[in-house]
Protein backbone atom coordinates (compact mmCIF):
# COMPACT_ATOMS: atom_id res chain seq x y z
CA MET A 1 -28.65 29.91 94.39
CA GLN A 2 -27.95 28.69 97.93
CA GLU A 3 -31.43 27.14 97.96
CA VAL A 4 -30.56 25.19 94.80
CA VAL A 5 -27.43 23.83 96.47
CA GLU A 6 -29.40 22.84 99.58
CA ASN A 7 -32.07 21.14 97.45
CA ALA A 8 -29.43 19.29 95.47
CA ALA A 9 -27.85 17.98 98.67
CA ARG A 10 -31.26 16.93 99.96
CA CYS A 11 -32.03 15.08 96.72
CA PHE A 12 -28.68 13.31 96.89
CA LYS A 13 -29.28 12.22 100.49
CA GLN A 14 -32.70 10.87 99.47
CA GLY A 15 -31.19 8.88 96.63
CA ASP A 16 -32.49 11.07 93.79
CA PHE A 17 -29.06 11.29 92.18
CA HIS A 18 -30.28 12.37 88.74
CA ARG A 19 -32.22 15.32 90.14
CA ALA A 20 -29.31 16.29 92.40
CA ARG A 21 -27.00 16.27 89.38
CA GLU A 22 -29.37 18.51 87.43
CA MET A 23 -29.36 21.03 90.27
CA TYR A 24 -25.58 20.95 90.63
CA GLN A 25 -25.35 21.59 86.89
CA LYS A 26 -27.43 24.76 87.39
CA VAL A 27 -24.98 25.88 90.08
CA ALA A 28 -22.08 25.06 87.75
CA ALA A 29 -23.63 27.15 84.98
CA TYR A 30 -23.95 30.09 87.37
CA TYR A 31 -20.67 29.92 89.33
CA GLY A 32 -18.49 27.69 87.18
CA GLU A 33 -18.06 23.94 87.23
CA SER A 34 -15.01 24.00 89.51
CA ILE A 35 -17.27 24.99 92.42
CA VAL A 36 -19.33 21.80 92.23
CA SER A 37 -17.11 19.43 90.26
CA VAL A 38 -16.78 17.07 93.24
CA ASN A 39 -20.54 17.07 93.76
CA LEU A 40 -21.14 16.27 90.08
CA SER A 41 -18.59 13.48 90.24
CA LEU A 42 -20.22 12.02 93.36
CA CYS A 43 -23.61 12.14 91.65
CA ASP A 44 -22.18 10.32 88.63
CA GLN A 45 -20.63 7.66 90.87
CA ALA A 46 -23.85 7.23 92.83
CA ILE A 47 -25.91 6.96 89.65
CA LYS A 48 -23.55 4.32 88.31
CA ALA A 49 -23.48 2.43 91.63
CA SER A 50 -27.26 2.48 92.01
CA CYS A 51 -27.91 1.13 88.52
CA TRP A 52 -25.57 -1.85 88.52
CA VAL A 53 -26.81 -4.97 90.29
CA PRO A 54 -24.68 -8.10 90.03
CA SER A 55 -26.70 -11.26 89.52
CA THR A 56 -25.84 -14.85 88.70
CA ALA A 57 -27.23 -16.85 85.84
CA GLY A 58 -26.10 -20.41 85.47
CA GLY A 59 -23.21 -19.87 87.87
CA LYS A 60 -21.87 -16.88 85.95
CA GLU A 61 -22.07 -13.33 87.19
CA THR A 62 -23.94 -11.04 84.80
CA GLU A 63 -24.66 -7.33 84.81
CA ASP A 64 -28.26 -6.44 85.50
CA TYR A 65 -29.36 -2.82 85.43
CA SER A 66 -32.18 -1.83 87.71
CA ASP A 67 -33.98 1.44 88.43
CA GLU A 68 -34.29 0.51 92.09
CA GLU A 69 -31.96 2.22 94.51
CA ASN A 70 -29.40 -0.13 96.02
CA ILE A 71 -28.06 0.96 99.36
CA ASN A 72 -24.57 -0.35 99.93
CA PRO A 73 -21.52 0.78 101.87
CA SER A 74 -20.12 2.56 98.82
CA THR A 75 -23.24 4.71 98.50
CA GLN A 76 -23.15 5.51 102.22
CA LYS A 77 -19.50 6.56 101.93
CA ILE A 78 -20.36 8.77 98.99
CA SER A 79 -23.20 10.33 100.99
CA ARG A 80 -20.88 11.16 103.87
CA GLN A 81 -18.33 12.66 101.51
CA LEU A 82 -21.03 14.73 99.82
CA GLN A 83 -22.27 16.02 103.18
CA GLU A 84 -18.77 17.18 104.06
CA THR A 85 -18.33 18.79 100.66
CA GLN A 86 -21.76 20.40 100.95
CA SER A 87 -20.87 21.93 104.30
CA LEU A 88 -17.67 23.41 102.89
CA LEU A 89 -19.47 24.69 99.81
CA GLU A 90 -22.08 26.44 101.95
CA LYS A 91 -19.35 27.94 104.16
CA TYR A 92 -17.45 29.35 101.17
CA PHE A 93 -20.66 30.56 99.57
CA ILE A 94 -21.56 32.55 102.71
CA LEU A 95 -18.03 33.93 102.98
CA SER A 96 -18.14 35.09 99.37
CA GLN A 97 -21.26 37.21 99.94
């Protein structure tokens, strides 16, 4: 299961938020959602942030959804937070063995 957690973190860092969420859901099914609830929440936030692209049409801001990854400071902050959470999760996982 540790490999799944590592792969999920790698996917998140690479911007594959949907795949990372799927993997964290597998961990949640095995250990319980409380173990990875923060990771799942960060994935949800990153998915939402990467899909919404503000654009202007006729001077008005409209919502435009795009499949392209948008790198912005919010996503970078989320990535840093996930890395810290990932490190703690791995530490506690090793201690629990």
